[in-house]
C-alpha atoms as a PDB file:
ATOM      1  CA  UNK A   1      55.867 152.876 -58.999  1.00  0.00           C
ATOM      2  CA  UNK A   2      59.694 152.101 -59.376  1.00  0.00           C
ATOM      3  CA  UNK A   3      60.880 148.687 -57.679  1.00  0.00           C
ATOM      4  CA  UNK A   4      64.318 147.150 -56.680  1.00  0.00           C
ATOM      5  CA  UNK A   5      64.908 143.795 -55.364  1.00  0.00           C
ATOM      6  CA  UNK A   6      61.573 142.658 -55.490  1.00  0.00           C
ATOM      7  CA  UNK A   7      61.625 139.413 -57.706  1.00  0.00           C
ATOM      8  CA  UNK A   8      58.578 136.148 -58.416  1.00  0.00           C
ATOM      9  CA  UNK A   9      59.906 133.542 -56.929  1.00  0.00           C
ATOM     10  CA  UNK A  10      57.440 131.306 -57.860  1.00  0.00           C
ATOM     11  CA  UNK A  11      53.537 130.750 -59.593  1.00  0.00           C
ATOM     12  CA  UNK A  12      51.021 128.438 -59.185  1.00  0.00           C
ATOM     13  CA  UNK A  13      47.765 127.655 -60.831  1.00  0.00           C
ATOM     14  CA  UNK A  14      44.570 125.440 -60.893  1.00  0.00           C
ATOM     15  CA  UNK A  15      42.828 125.105 -63.479  1.00  0.00           C
ATOM     16  CA  UNK A  16      39.295 123.124 -63.578  1.00  0.00           C
ATOM     17  CA  UNK A  17      37.500 121.573 -66.490  1.00  0.00           C
ATOM     18  CA  UNK A  18      37.725 123.232 -69.944  1.00  0.00           C
ATOM     19  CA  UNK A  19      34.167 123.301 -72.058  1.00  0.00           C
ATOM     20  CA  UNK A  20      34.768 124.035 -75.480  1.00  0.00           C
ATOM     21  CA  UNK A  21      32.847 126.936 -77.415  1.00  0.00           C
ATOM     22  CA  UNK A  22      31.244 124.116 -80.204  1.00  0.00           C
ATOM     23  CA  UNK A  23      30.001 122.128 -76.770  1.00  0.00           C
ATOM     24  CA  UNK A  24      28.419 125.081 -75.343  1.00  0.00           C
ATOM     25  CA  UNK A  25      26.570 126.449 -78.653  1.00  0.00           C
ATOM     26  CA  UNK A  26      25.617 122.578 -78.790  1.00  0.00           C
ATOM     27  CA  UNK A  27      24.170 122.943 -75.428  1.00  0.00           C
ATOM     28  CA  UNK A  28      22.472 126.658 -76.244  1.00  0.00           C
ATOM     29  CA  UNK A  29      24.428 128.342 -73.832  1.00  0.00           C
ATOM     30  CA  UNK A  30      26.707 130.320 -76.486  1.00  0.00           C
ATOM     31  CA  UNK A  31      25.988 131.167 -80.100  1.00  0.00           C
ATOM     32  CA  UNK A  32      28.292 130.890 -83.205  1.00  0.00           C
ATOM     33  CA  UNK A  33      27.776 134.514 -84.150  1.00  0.00           C
ATOM     34  CA  UNK A  34      29.405 135.631 -80.515  1.00  0.00           C
ATOM     35  CA  UNK A  35      32.093 133.081 -80.729  1.00  0.00           C
ATOM     36  CA  UNK A  36      33.133 133.747 -84.273  1.00  0.00           C
ATOM     37  CA  UNK A  37      33.008 137.674 -82.772  1.00  0.00           C
ATOM     38  CA  UNK A  38      34.899 136.747 -79.797  1.00  0.00           C
ATOM     39  CA  UNK A  39      37.162 134.271 -81.323  1.00  0.00           C
ATOM     40  CA  UNK A  40      37.190 132.488 -77.689  1.00  0.00           C
ATOM     41  CA  UNK A  41      37.217 128.507 -78.389  1.00  0.00           C
ATOM     42  CA  UNK A  42      36.466 127.801 -74.813  1.00  0.00           C
ATOM     43  CA  UNK A  43      36.261 128.112 -71.200  1.00  0.00           C
ATOM     44  CA  UNK A  44      37.210 126.602 -67.630  1.00  0.00           C
ATOM     45  CA  UNK A  45      34.538 125.157 -65.363  1.00  0.00           C
ATOM     46  CA  UNK A  46      34.557 124.256 -61.757  1.00  0.00           C
ATOM     47  CA  UNK A  47      31.314 123.022 -61.109  1.00  0.00           C
ATOM     48  CA  UNK A  48      30.279 123.472 -57.541  1.00  0.00           C
ATOM     49  CA  UNK A  49      34.045 123.857 -56.639  1.00  0.00           C
ATOM     50  CA  UNK A  50      34.358 126.485 -53.947  1.00  0.00           C
ATOM     51  CA  UNK A  51      36.779 129.442 -55.432  1.00  0.00           C
ATOM     52  CA  UNK A  52      38.925 129.208 -52.174  1.00  0.00           C
ATOM     53  CA  UNK A  53      39.497 126.167 -52.789  1.00  0.00           C
ATOM     54  CA  UNK A  54      41.250 126.777 -55.762  1.00  0.00           C
ATOM     55  CA  UNK A  55      42.873 129.452 -54.405  1.00  0.00           C
ATOM     56  CA  UNK A  56      44.458 126.852 -51.390  1.00  0.00           C
ATOM     57  CA  UNK A  57      45.436 124.381 -54.438  1.00  0.00           C
ATOM     58  CA  UNK A  58      47.089 126.683 -56.441  1.00  0.00           C
ATOM     59  CA  UNK A  59      48.785 128.415 -52.996  1.00  0.00           C
ATOM     60  CA  UNK A  60      50.339 125.207 -52.589  1.00  0.00           C
ATOM     61  CA  UNK A  61      51.503 124.709 -55.639  1.00  0.00           C
ATOM     62  CA  UNK A  62      53.805 127.916 -55.623  1.00  0.00           C
ATOM     63  CA  UNK A  63      54.771 127.197 -51.799  1.00  0.00           C
ATOM     64  CA  UNK A  64      56.182 123.472 -53.383  1.00  0.00           C
ATOM     65  CA  UNK A  65      57.561 125.046 -56.419  1.00  0.00           C
ATOM     66  CA  UNK A  66      59.165 128.184 -54.521  1.00  0.00           C
ATOM     67  CA  UNK A  67      60.537 125.470 -51.485  1.00  0.00           C
ATOM     68  CA  UNK A  68      58.249 127.663 -49.738  1.00  0.00           C
ATOM     69  CA  UNK A  69      57.279 126.941 -45.940  1.00  0.00           C
ATOM     70  CA  UNK A  70      53.909 128.522 -45.278  1.00  0.00           C
ATOM     71  CA  UNK A  71      54.519 128.895 -41.713  1.00  0.00           C
ATOM     72  CA  UNK A  72      57.155 131.351 -42.581  1.00  0.00           C
ATOM     73  CA  UNK A  73      54.916 133.915 -45.323  1.00  0.00           C
ATOM     74  CA  UNK A  74      55.724 137.401 -44.135  1.00  0.00           C
ATOM     75  CA  UNK A  75      52.174 138.794 -45.717  1.00  0.00           C
ATOM     76  CA  UNK A  76      48.887 137.290 -47.595  1.00  0.00           C
ATOM     77  CA  UNK A  77      46.994 138.690 -49.956  1.00  0.00           C
ATOM     78  CA  UNK A  78      43.673 137.691 -51.780  1.00  0.00           C
ATOM     79  CA  UNK A  79      42.095 138.869 -54.568  1.00  0.00           C
ATOM     80  CA  UNK A  80      38.170 137.765 -56.115  1.00  0.00           C
ATOM     81  CA  UNK A  81      35.870 139.190 -58.196  1.00  0.00           C
ATOM     82  CA  UNK A  82      32.426 137.762 -57.387  1.00  0.00           C
ATOM     83  CA  UNK A  83      31.776 136.581 -53.558  1.00  0.00           C
ATOM     84  CA  UNK A  84      33.538 133.653 -52.119  1.00  0.00           C
ATOM     85  CA  UNK A  85      31.229 132.198 -49.407  1.00  0.00           C
ATOM     86  CA  UNK A  86      28.677 132.554 -47.025  1.00  0.00           C
ATOM     87  CA  UNK A  87      27.644 136.502 -46.167  1.00  0.00           C
ATOM     88  CA  UNK A  88      29.652 137.906 -43.686  1.00  0.00           C
ATOM     89  CA  UNK A  89      32.440 135.345 -44.019  1.00  0.00           C
ATOM     90  CA  UNK A  90      35.904 136.103 -45.543  1.00  0.00           C
ATOM     91  CA  UNK A  91      38.430 133.479 -47.429  1.00  0.00           C
ATOM     92  CA  UNK A  92      41.725 134.545 -45.723  1.00  0.00           C
ATOM     93  CA  UNK A  93      41.372 132.549 -42.482  1.00  0.00           C
ATOM     94  CA  UNK A  94      40.949 129.418 -44.417  1.00  0.00           C
ATOM     95  CA  UNK A  95      43.189 129.904 -46.417  1.00  0.00           C
ATOM     96  CA  UNK A  96      45.616 130.348 -44.275  1.00  0.00           C
ATOM     97  CA  UNK A  97      44.293 127.704 -41.961  1.00  0.00           C
ATOM     98  CA  UNK A  98      44.573 124.980 -44.883  1.00  0.00           C
ATOM     99  CA  UNK A  99      48.291 126.779 -45.502  1.00  0.00           C
ATOM    100  CA  UNK A 100      49.351 125.955 -42.007  1.00  0.00           C
ATOM    101  CA  UNK A 101      50.596 129.987 -42.123  1.00  0.00           C
ATOM    102  CA  UNK A 102      48.880 130.685 -38.386  1.00  0.00           C
ATOM    103  CA  UNK A 103      49.444 134.534 -37.471  1.00  0.00           C
ATOM    104  CA  UNK A 104      50.525 136.168 -41.120  1.00  0.00           C
ATOM    105  CA  UNK A 105      48.706 139.274 -41.565  1.00  0.00           C
ATOM    106  CA  UNK A 106      46.639 138.451 -44.498  1.00  0.00           C
ATOM    107  CA  UNK A 107      44.308 141.249 -46.836  1.00  0.00           C
ATOM    108  CA  UNK A 108      41.294 140.891 -48.929  1.00  0.00           C
ATOM    109  CA  UNK A 109      41.320 142.349 -52.465  1.00  0.00           C
ATOM    110  CA  UNK A 110      38.101 143.432 -54.227  1.00  0.00           C
ATOM    111  CA  UNK A 111      39.169 144.856 -57.934  1.00  0.00           C
ATOM    112  CA  UNK A 112      37.739 142.600 -60.148  1.00  0.00           C
ATOM    113  CA  UNK A 113      39.778 141.196 -62.704  1.00  0.00           C
ATOM    114  CA  UNK A 114      42.616 144.024 -61.921  1.00  0.00           C
ATOM    115  CA  UNK A 115      43.001 142.218 -58.280  1.00  0.00           C
ATOM    116  CA  UNK A 116      45.688 140.477 -58.808  1.00  0.00           C
ATOM    117  CA  UNK A 117      48.255 143.317 -59.676  1.00  0.00           C
ATOM    118  CA  UNK A 118      46.482 144.838 -57.213  1.00  0.00           C
ATOM    119  CA  UNK A 119      47.800 142.932 -54.865  1.00  0.00           C
ATOM    120  CA  UNK A 120      50.786 142.742 -56.071  1.00  0.00           C
ATOM    121  CA  UNK A 121      51.297 146.644 -55.822  1.00  0.00           C
ATOM    122  CA  UNK A 122      50.199 146.724 -52.130  1.00  0.00           C
ATOM    123  CA  UNK A 123      52.338 143.849 -51.139  1.00  0.00           C
ATOM    124  CA  UNK A 124      55.589 145.529 -53.287  1.00  0.00           C
ATOM    125  CA  UNK A 125      54.648 148.286 -50.426  1.00  0.00           C
ATOM    126  CA  UNK A 126      54.642 145.976 -47.893  1.00  0.00           C
ATOM    127  CA  UNK A 127      57.641 143.879 -48.285  1.00  0.00           C
ATOM    128  CA  UNK A 128      59.594 147.891 -49.115  1.00  0.00           C
ATOM    129  CA  UNK A 129      57.837 148.965 -45.598  1.00  0.00           C
ATOM    130  CA  UNK A 130      58.197 146.034 -43.485  1.00  0.00           C
ATOM    131  CA  UNK A 131      62.046 144.924 -43.288  1.00  0.00           C
ATOM    132  CA  UNK A 132      61.619 141.535 -41.396  1.00  0.00           C
ATOM    133  CA  UNK A 133      58.966 140.708 -43.809  1.00  0.00           C
ATOM    134  CA  UNK A 134      61.248 138.518 -47.027  1.00  0.00           C
ATOM    135  CA  UNK A 135      58.162 136.883 -48.792  1.00  0.00           C
ATOM    136  CA  UNK A 136      54.692 137.330 -49.334  1.00  0.00           C
ATOM    137  CA  UNK A 137      52.464 135.182 -50.986  1.00  0.00           C
ATOM    138  CA  UNK A 138      49.236 136.475 -53.671  1.00  0.00           C
ATOM    139  CA  UNK A 139      46.223 134.117 -54.664  1.00  0.00           C
ATOM    140  CA  UNK A 140      43.580 134.730 -56.591  1.00  0.00           C
ATOM    141  CA  UNK A 141      40.003 132.750 -57.493  1.00  0.00           C
ATOM    142  CA  UNK A 142      36.678 133.136 -58.667  1.00  0.00           C
ATOM    143  CA  UNK A 143      33.814 130.220 -59.787  1.00  0.00           C
ATOM    144  CA  UNK A 144      31.402 132.024 -61.821  1.00  0.00           C
ATOM    145  CA  UNK A 145      28.476 129.279 -61.822  1.00  0.00           C
ATOM    146  CA  UNK A 146      25.576 131.379 -61.186  1.00  0.00           C
ATOM    147  CA  UNK A 147      21.770 131.904 -61.610  1.00  0.00           C
ATOM    148  CA  UNK A 148      22.816 135.416 -61.181  1.00  0.00           C
ATOM    149  CA  UNK A 149      24.828 135.254 -64.227  1.00  0.00           C
ATOM    150  CA  UNK A 150      25.888 133.818 -67.807  1.00  0.00           C
ATOM    151  CA  UNK A 151      29.181 133.080 -68.369  1.00  0.00           C
ATOM    152  CA  UNK A 152      29.009 132.604 -72.290  1.00  0.00           C
ATOM    153  CA  UNK A 153      26.737 135.891 -72.611  1.00  0.00           C
ATOM    154  CA  UNK A 154      26.351 138.432 -69.655  1.00  0.00           C
ATOM    155  CA  UNK A 155      29.728 139.437 -69.518  1.00  0.00           C
ATOM    156  CA  UNK A 156      30.443 142.235 -71.871  1.00  0.00           C
ATOM    157  CA  UNK A 157      31.315 141.666 -75.533  1.00  0.00           C
ATOM    158  CA  UNK A 158      33.762 139.447 -76.643  1.00  0.00           C
ATOM    159  CA  UNK A 159      34.001 137.999 -72.968  1.00  0.00           C
ATOM    160  CA  UNK A 160      33.891 134.252 -72.038  1.00  0.00           C
ATOM    161  CA  UNK A 161      33.895 133.687 -67.972  1.00  0.00           C
ATOM    162  CA  UNK A 162      36.207 131.107 -66.959  1.00  0.00           C
ATOM    163  CA  UNK A 163      36.841 129.587 -63.189  1.00  0.00           C
ATOM    164  CA  UNK A 164      40.552 128.916 -61.890  1.00  0.00           C
ATOM    165  CA  UNK A 165      42.486 129.641 -58.853  1.00  0.00           C
ATOM    166  CA  UNK A 166      46.319 131.294 -59.152  1.00  0.00           C
ATOM    167  CA  UNK A 167      49.307 132.523 -57.042  1.00  0.00           C
ATOM    168  CA  UNK A 168      52.386 134.311 -56.895  1.00  0.00           C
ATOM    169  CA  UNK A 169      55.284 133.697 -55.009  1.00  0.00           C
ATOM    170  CA  UNK A 170      56.761 137.184 -54.242  1.00  0.00           C
ATOM    171  CA  UNK A 171      60.680 137.475 -52.467  1.00  0.00           C
ATOM    172  CA  UNK A 172      62.972 140.374 -51.997  1.00  0.00           C
ATOM    173  CA  UNK A 173      66.025 138.059 -51.839  1.00  0.00           C
ATOM    174  CA  UNK A 174      65.446 136.786 -55.529  1.00  0.00           C
ATOM    175  CA  UNK A 175      63.309 134.275 -57.751  1.00  0.00           C
ATOM    176  CA  UNK A 176      63.410 133.753 -61.575  1.00  0.00           C
ATOM    177  CA  UNK A 177      61.828 137.152 -62.401  1.00  0.00           C
ATOM    178  CA  UNK A 178      62.417 140.834 -60.656  1.00  0.00           C
ATOM    179  CA  UNK A 179      59.693 143.362 -60.509  1.00  0.00           C
ATOM    180  CA  UNK A 180      61.330 146.388 -62.251  1.00  0.00           C
ATOM    181  CA  UNK A 181      57.452 148.862 -61.290  1.00  0.00           C
ATOM    182  CA  UNK A 182      53.996 148.723 -61.273  1.00  0.00           C
ATOM    183  CA  UNK A 183      51.363 151.967 -61.488  1.00  0.00           C
ATOM    184  CA  UNK A 184      47.470 151.839 -61.244  1.00  0.00           C
ATOM    185  CA  UNK A 185      45.192 154.895 -62.230  1.00  0.00           C
ATOM    186  CA  UNK A 186      41.829 155.156 -61.610  1.00  0.00           C
ATOM    187  CA  UNK A 187      39.371 156.907 -64.055  1.00  0.00           C
ATOM    188  CA  UNK A 188      36.058 157.722 -61.934  1.00  0.00           C
ATOM    189  CA  UNK A 189      34.378 159.250 -64.617  1.00  0.00           C
ATOM    190  CA  UNK A 190      33.591 155.669 -65.874  1.00  0.00           C
ATOM    191  CA  UNK A 191      32.646 154.254 -62.716  1.00  0.00           C
ATOM    192  CA  UNK A 192      29.246 153.877 -63.722  1.00  0.00           C
ATOM    193  CA  UNK A 193      29.859 151.550 -66.784  1.00  0.00           C
ATOM    194  CA  UNK A 194      30.087 148.489 -64.736  1.00  0.00           C
ATOM    195  CA  UNK A 195      26.713 149.770 -62.201  1.00  0.00           C
ATOM    196  CA  UNK A 196      24.586 151.177 -64.581  1.00  0.00           C
ATOM    197  CA  UNK A 197      20.799 151.673 -63.245  1.00  0.00           C
ATOM    198  CA  UNK A 198      21.282 148.697 -60.806  1.00  0.00           C
ATOM    199  CA  UNK A 199      20.950 149.603 -57.402  1.00  0.00           C
ATOM    200  CA  UNK A 200      23.319 150.373 -54.933  1.00  0.00           C
ATOM    201  CA  UNK A 201      21.790 148.391 -52.029  1.00  0.00           C
ATOM    202  CA  UNK A 202      20.445 144.838 -53.053  1.00  0.00           C
ATOM    203  CA  UNK A 203      20.079 142.914 -49.717  1.00  0.00           C
ATOM    204  CA  UNK A 204      17.913 140.143 -51.306  1.00  0.00           C
ATOM    205  CA  UNK A 205      20.331 139.023 -53.588  1.00  0.00           C
ATOM    206  CA  UNK A 206      17.884 139.701 -56.782  1.00  0.00           C
ATOM    207  CA  UNK A 207      19.733 141.637 -59.946  1.00  0.00           C
ATOM    208  CA  UNK A 208      21.723 139.644 -62.343  1.00  0.00           C
ATOM    209  CA  UNK A 209      24.873 140.415 -63.981  1.00  0.00           C
ATOM    210  CA  UNK A 210      24.498 141.790 -67.079  1.00  0.00           C
ATOM    211  CA  UNK A 211      27.562 144.023 -67.890  1.00  0.00           C
ATOM    212  CA  UNK A 212      26.167 144.569 -71.304  1.00  0.00           C
ATOM    213  CA  UNK A 213      22.874 146.130 -70.057  1.00  0.00           C
ATOM    214  CA  UNK A 214      24.741 148.208 -67.667  1.00  0.00           C
ATOM    215  CA  UNK A 215      27.327 149.314 -70.570  1.00  0.00           C
ATOM    216  CA  UNK A 216      24.320 150.197 -72.916  1.00  0.00           C
ATOM    217  CA  UNK A 217      22.408 152.547 -70.171  1.00  0.00           C
ATOM    218  CA  UNK A 218      25.651 154.235 -69.000  1.00  0.00           C
ATOM    219  CA  UNK A 219      26.586 154.924 -72.609  1.00  0.00           C
ATOM    220  CA  UNK A 220      22.278 156.074 -73.075  1.00  0.00           C
ATOM    221  CA  UNK A 221      22.829 158.011 -70.379  1.00  0.00           C
ATOM    222  CA  UNK A 222      26.449 159.275 -69.757  1.00  0.00           C
ATOM    223  CA  UNK A 223      29.033 158.525 -72.273  1.00  0.00           C
ATOM    224  CA  UNK A 224      29.077 157.220 -75.608  1.00  0.00           C
ATOM    225  CA  UNK A 225      30.303 153.713 -75.841  1.00  0.00           C
ATOM    226  CA  UNK A 226      33.083 155.160 -78.750  1.00  0.00           C
ATOM    227  CA  UNK A 227      34.024 157.730 -76.430  1.00  0.00           C
ATOM    228  CA  UNK A 228      34.197 155.331 -73.430  1.00  0.00           C
ATOM    229  CA  UNK A 229      36.615 152.626 -75.240  1.00  0.00           C
ATOM    230  CA  UNK A 230      38.692 156.213 -76.503  1.00  0.00           C
ATOM    231  CA  UNK A 231      39.136 157.092 -73.064  1.00  0.00           C
ATOM    232  CA  UNK A 232      39.795 153.075 -71.725  1.00  0.00           C
ATOM    233  CA  UNK A 233      42.597 153.314 -74.266  1.00  0.00           C
ATOM    234  CA  UNK A 234      44.262 156.691 -73.807  1.00  0.00           C
ATOM    235  CA  UNK A 235      44.437 155.739 -70.184  1.00  0.00           C
ATOM    236  CA  UNK A 236      46.000 152.228 -70.524  1.00  0.00           C
ATOM    237  CA  UNK A 237      48.088 153.812 -72.602  1.00  0.00           C
ATOM    238  CA  UNK A 238      49.064 156.313 -70.119  1.00  0.00           C
ATOM    239  CA  UNK A 239      49.912 153.946 -67.001  1.00  0.00           C
ATOM    240  CA  UNK A 240      51.804 150.884 -69.544  1.00  0.00           C
ATOM    241  CA  UNK A 241      53.852 154.252 -70.526  1.00  0.00           C
ATOM    242  CA  UNK A 242      55.038 155.340 -66.820  1.00  0.00           C
ATOM    243  CA  UNK A 243      55.098 151.820 -66.206  1.00  0.00           C
ATOM    244  CA  UNK A 244      57.893 151.367 -69.122  1.00  0.00           C
ATOM    245  CA  UNK A 245      59.693 154.485 -68.366  1.00  0.00           C
ATOM    246  CA  UNK A 246      60.004 153.187 -64.522  1.00  0.00           C
ATOM    247  CA  UNK A 247      61.479 150.488 -65.204  1.00  0.00           C
ATOM    248  CA  UNK A 248      63.383 151.738 -67.907  1.00  0.00           C
ATOM    249  CA  UNK A 249      62.778 149.627 -71.261  1.00  0.00           C
ATOM    250  CA  UNK A 250      61.075 151.024 -74.001  1.00  0.00           C
ATOM    251  CA  UNK A 251      57.899 149.139 -75.500  1.00  0.00           C
ATOM    252  CA  UNK A 252      59.712 148.115 -78.465  1.00  0.00           C
ATOM    253  CA  UNK A 253      61.947 145.817 -75.788  1.00  0.00           C
ATOM    254  CA  UNK A 254      59.127 143.657 -74.778  1.00  0.00           C
ATOM    255  CA  UNK A 255      58.574 140.403 -74.982  1.00  0.00           C
ATOM    256  CA  UNK A 256      55.467 139.201 -74.502  1.00  0.00           C
ATOM    257  CA  UNK A 257      52.681 141.340 -72.727  1.00  0.00           C
ATOM    258  CA  UNK A 258      49.668 139.694 -70.555  1.00  0.00           C
ATOM    259  CA  UNK A 259      45.933 141.314 -70.556  1.00  0.00           C
ATOM    260  CA  UNK A 260      42.981 140.329 -69.717  1.00  0.00           C
ATOM    261  CA  UNK A 261      41.661 137.749 -71.718  1.00  0.00           C
ATOM    262  CA  UNK A 262      38.755 138.918 -74.013  1.00  0.00           C
ATOM    263  CA  UNK A 263      38.233 139.265 -77.679  1.00  0.00           C
ATOM    264  CA  UNK A 264      40.816 139.990 -80.137  1.00  0.00           C
ATOM    265  CA  UNK A 265      39.142 142.921 -81.049  1.00  0.00           C
ATOM    266  CA  UNK A 266      38.854 144.091 -77.639  1.00  0.00           C
ATOM    267  CA  UNK A 267      42.517 143.384 -77.054  1.00  0.00           C
ATOM    268  CA  UNK A 268      43.746 145.387 -80.051  1.00  0.00           C
ATOM    269  CA  UNK A 269      41.840 148.292 -79.545  1.00  0.00           C
ATOM    270  CA  UNK A 270      42.444 148.727 -75.961  1.00  0.00           C
ATOM    271  CA  UNK A 271      45.809 147.516 -75.511  1.00  0.00           C
ATOM    272  CA  UNK A 272      48.305 146.395 -78.722  1.00  0.00           C
ATOM    273  CA  UNK A 273      46.627 149.088 -81.060  1.00  0.00           C
ATOM    274  CA  UNK A 274      47.356 152.470 -79.215  1.00  0.00           C
ATOM    275  CA  UNK A 275      50.985 151.298 -78.167  1.00  0.00           C
ATOM    276  CA  UNK A 276      52.294 149.696 -81.588  1.00  0.00           C
ATOM    277  CA  UNK A 277      52.379 146.117 -80.101  1.00  0.00           C
ATOM    278  CA  UNK A 278      51.790 143.110 -82.651  1.00  0.00           C
ATOM    279  CA  UNK A 279      49.624 140.526 -81.873  1.00  0.00           C
ATOM    280  CA  UNK A 280      52.507 137.715 -81.731  1.00  0.00           C
ATOM    281  CA  UNK A 281      53.648 139.193 -78.692  1.00  0.00           C
ATOM    282  CA  UNK A 282      50.260 139.074 -76.924  1.00  0.00           C
ATOM    283  CA  UNK A 283      48.477 136.508 -74.898  1.00  0.00           C
ATOM    284  CA  UNK A 284      45.831 135.990 -77.320  1.00  0.00           C
ATOM    285  CA  UNK A 285      46.565 132.446 -78.410  1.00  0.00           C
ATOM    286  CA  UNK A 286      46.545 131.069 -74.799  1.00  0.00           C
ATOM    287  CA  UNK A 287      44.095 133.321 -73.670  1.00  0.00           C
ATOM    288  CA  UNK A 288      41.462 132.802 -76.187  1.00  0.00           C
ATOM    289  CA  UNK A 289      41.477 128.932 -75.339  1.00  0.00           C
ATOM    290  CA  UNK A 290      40.687 129.564 -71.333  1.00  0.00           C
ATOM    291  CA  UNK A 291      38.340 132.801 -71.436  1.00  0.00           C
ATOM    292  CA  UNK A 292      38.891 135.558 -68.790  1.00  0.00           C
ATOM    293  CA  UNK A 293      39.206 133.829 -65.815  1.00  0.00           C
ATOM    294  CA  UNK A 294      38.487 136.529 -63.330  1.00  0.00           C
ATOM    295  CA  UNK A 295      41.566 137.955 -61.434  1.00  0.00           C
ATOM    296  CA  UNK A 296      43.746 134.701 -62.267  1.00  0.00           C
ATOM    297  CA  UNK A 297      44.381 135.641 -65.751  1.00  0.00           C
ATOM    298  CA  UNK A 298      47.816 137.377 -65.133  1.00  0.00           C
ATOM    299  CA  UNK A 299      48.826 135.021 -62.840  1.00  0.00           C
ATOM    300  CA  UNK A 300      47.749 131.921 -64.998  1.00  0.00           C
ATOM    301  CA  UNK A 301      49.134 133.115 -67.991  1.00  0.00           C
ATOM    302  CA  UNK A 302      52.651 133.976 -66.804  1.00  0.00           C
ATOM    303  CA  UNK A 303      52.524 130.780 -65.512  1.00  0.00           C
ATOM    304  CA  UNK A 304      51.697 128.851 -69.209  1.00  0.00           C
ATOM    305  CA  UNK A 305      54.239 131.169 -71.022  1.00  0.00           C
ATOM    306  CA  UNK A 306      57.010 130.222 -68.349  1.00  0.00           C
ATOM    307  CA  UNK A 307      56.272 126.432 -68.287  1.00  0.00           C
ATOM    308  CA  UNK A 308      55.872 126.257 -72.032  1.00  0.00           C
ATOM    309  CA  UNK A 309      59.645 127.687 -72.468  1.00  0.00           C
ATOM    310  CA  UNK A 310      57.948 130.789 -74.564  1.00  0.00           C
ATOM    311  CA  UNK A 311      59.686 133.006 -71.854  1.00  0.00           C
ATOM    312  CA  UNK A 312      63.594 132.692 -70.808  1.00  0.00           C
ATOM    313  CA  UNK A 313      66.428 134.867 -69.462  1.00  0.00           C
ATOM    314  CA  UNK A 314      66.428 138.827 -70.141  1.00  0.00           C
ATOM    315  CA  UNK A 315      63.103 138.790 -71.569  1.00  0.00           C
ATOM    316  CA  UNK A 316      61.167 141.527 -70.412  1.00  0.00           C
ATOM    317  CA  UNK A 317      56.786 141.174 -69.614  1.00  0.00           C
ATOM    318  CA  UNK A 318      54.198 143.404 -69.445  1.00  0.00           C
ATOM    319  CA  UNK A 319      51.476 142.875 -67.700  1.00  0.00           C
ATOM    320  CA  UNK A 320      47.861 145.261 -68.139  1.00  0.00           C
ATOM    321  CA  UNK A 321      44.930 144.936 -66.740  1.00  0.00           C
ATOM    322  CA  UNK A 322      41.670 147.503 -66.431  1.00  0.00           C
ATOM    323  CA  UNK A 323      38.904 146.857 -64.262  1.00  0.00           C
ATOM    324  CA  UNK A 324      35.524 148.120 -62.868  1.00  0.00           C
ATOM    325  CA  UNK A 325      35.634 151.349 -61.216  1.00  0.00           C
ATOM    326  CA  UNK A 326      37.210 151.975 -63.506  1.00  0.00           C
ATOM    327  CA  UNK A 327      40.823 151.118 -63.101  1.00  0.00           C
ATOM    328  CA  UNK A 328      44.121 150.550 -65.306  1.00  0.00           C
ATOM    329  CA  UNK A 329      47.507 148.951 -64.316  1.00  0.00           C
ATOM    330  CA  UNK A 330      50.089 147.837 -65.334  1.00  0.00           C
ATOM    331  CA  UNK A 331      53.435 146.038 -64.120  1.00  0.00           C
ATOM    332  CA  UNK A 332      56.726 145.101 -65.673  1.00  0.00           C
ATOM    333  CA  UNK A 333      58.964 141.991 -64.923  1.00  0.00           C
ATOM    334  CA  UNK A 334      62.656 141.191 -66.377  1.00  0.00           C
ATOM    335  CA  UNK A 335      63.037 137.161 -66.383  1.00  0.00           C
ATOM    336  CA  UNK A 336      66.302 136.082 -64.781  1.00  0.00           C
ATOM    337  CA  UNK A 337      66.079 132.619 -64.994  1.00  0.00           C
ATOM    338  CA  UNK A 338      64.119 129.671 -66.741  1.00  0.00           C
ATOM    339  CA  UNK A 339      61.169 128.410 -64.252  1.00  0.00           C
ATOM    340  CA  UNK A 340      62.949 126.331 -61.962  1.00  0.00           C
ATOM    341  CA  UNK A 341      59.887 123.797 -61.579  1.00  0.00           C
ATOM    342  CA  UNK A 342      59.616 123.495 -65.673  1.00  0.00           C
ATOM    343  CA  UNK A 343      63.866 122.200 -65.745  1.00  0.00           C
END
């Protein structure tokens, strides 16, 4: 989807305590072979902090940086990967109450680690079809501390899961970056890759989150992992090429590419190699230090690049994501100005 007059006014992030892979190995949580294989040096762990509180902190950060009153927001979209609190409770109202945005429409997106890009596409449609709506706040947060999942070993090869909160403030009237295009595609034949043999109805919450076990089952019963990887790489490249074409930008013009924070070889296999993008333009050097932050990878990494001055006026940024379902997506941004909060 080609876009006009859609901007990023600010970003926000909440990053909890960092734990090194070395310390995790010493405590028996991780092992050296997996650490060498992934290249991930550590991740972020939030303890017992509710994810919605991390989202509130990140949202407040974005609102303050963007000089935006919460009460004047036209839309809020909340993205997450896992459960956010009590069953049959939803975080949107809590987020609005804490921010002071009563009456604002709020929607929740559950599209895994692609959640923020999905929220971006939905918000773009909303802002372009609602003339009275000028601003939208996108927020995301996850806390993966759970006995049902192993953040160091259970979420796939080359993947270490971290906790974080993030936010993007969108505006139809201006900002430090312009959103040129956003595009998404679904690959339903790979839906079972992240389901495996797990029951579709689990009222007692007894199943554990072991994505590697699910993928092994799928590869034995449906499609080999080699073919799965080939399909993902092809579909990811296709959706990215569409976004670049819609934005009128060539792949060689991209200054930075931000992908899901996964192991080095996964980044190369699914993104860099198919498109001929050098690793030096990727998020690898930063992503390896924090791990895969659920739905917050893209916003947190973009905030890091802007705050540290690695992106400036005229630079083009490619955001690319993939998630269970199976979903691939991408967005293209052009930086208009340095980050106001970093000056």
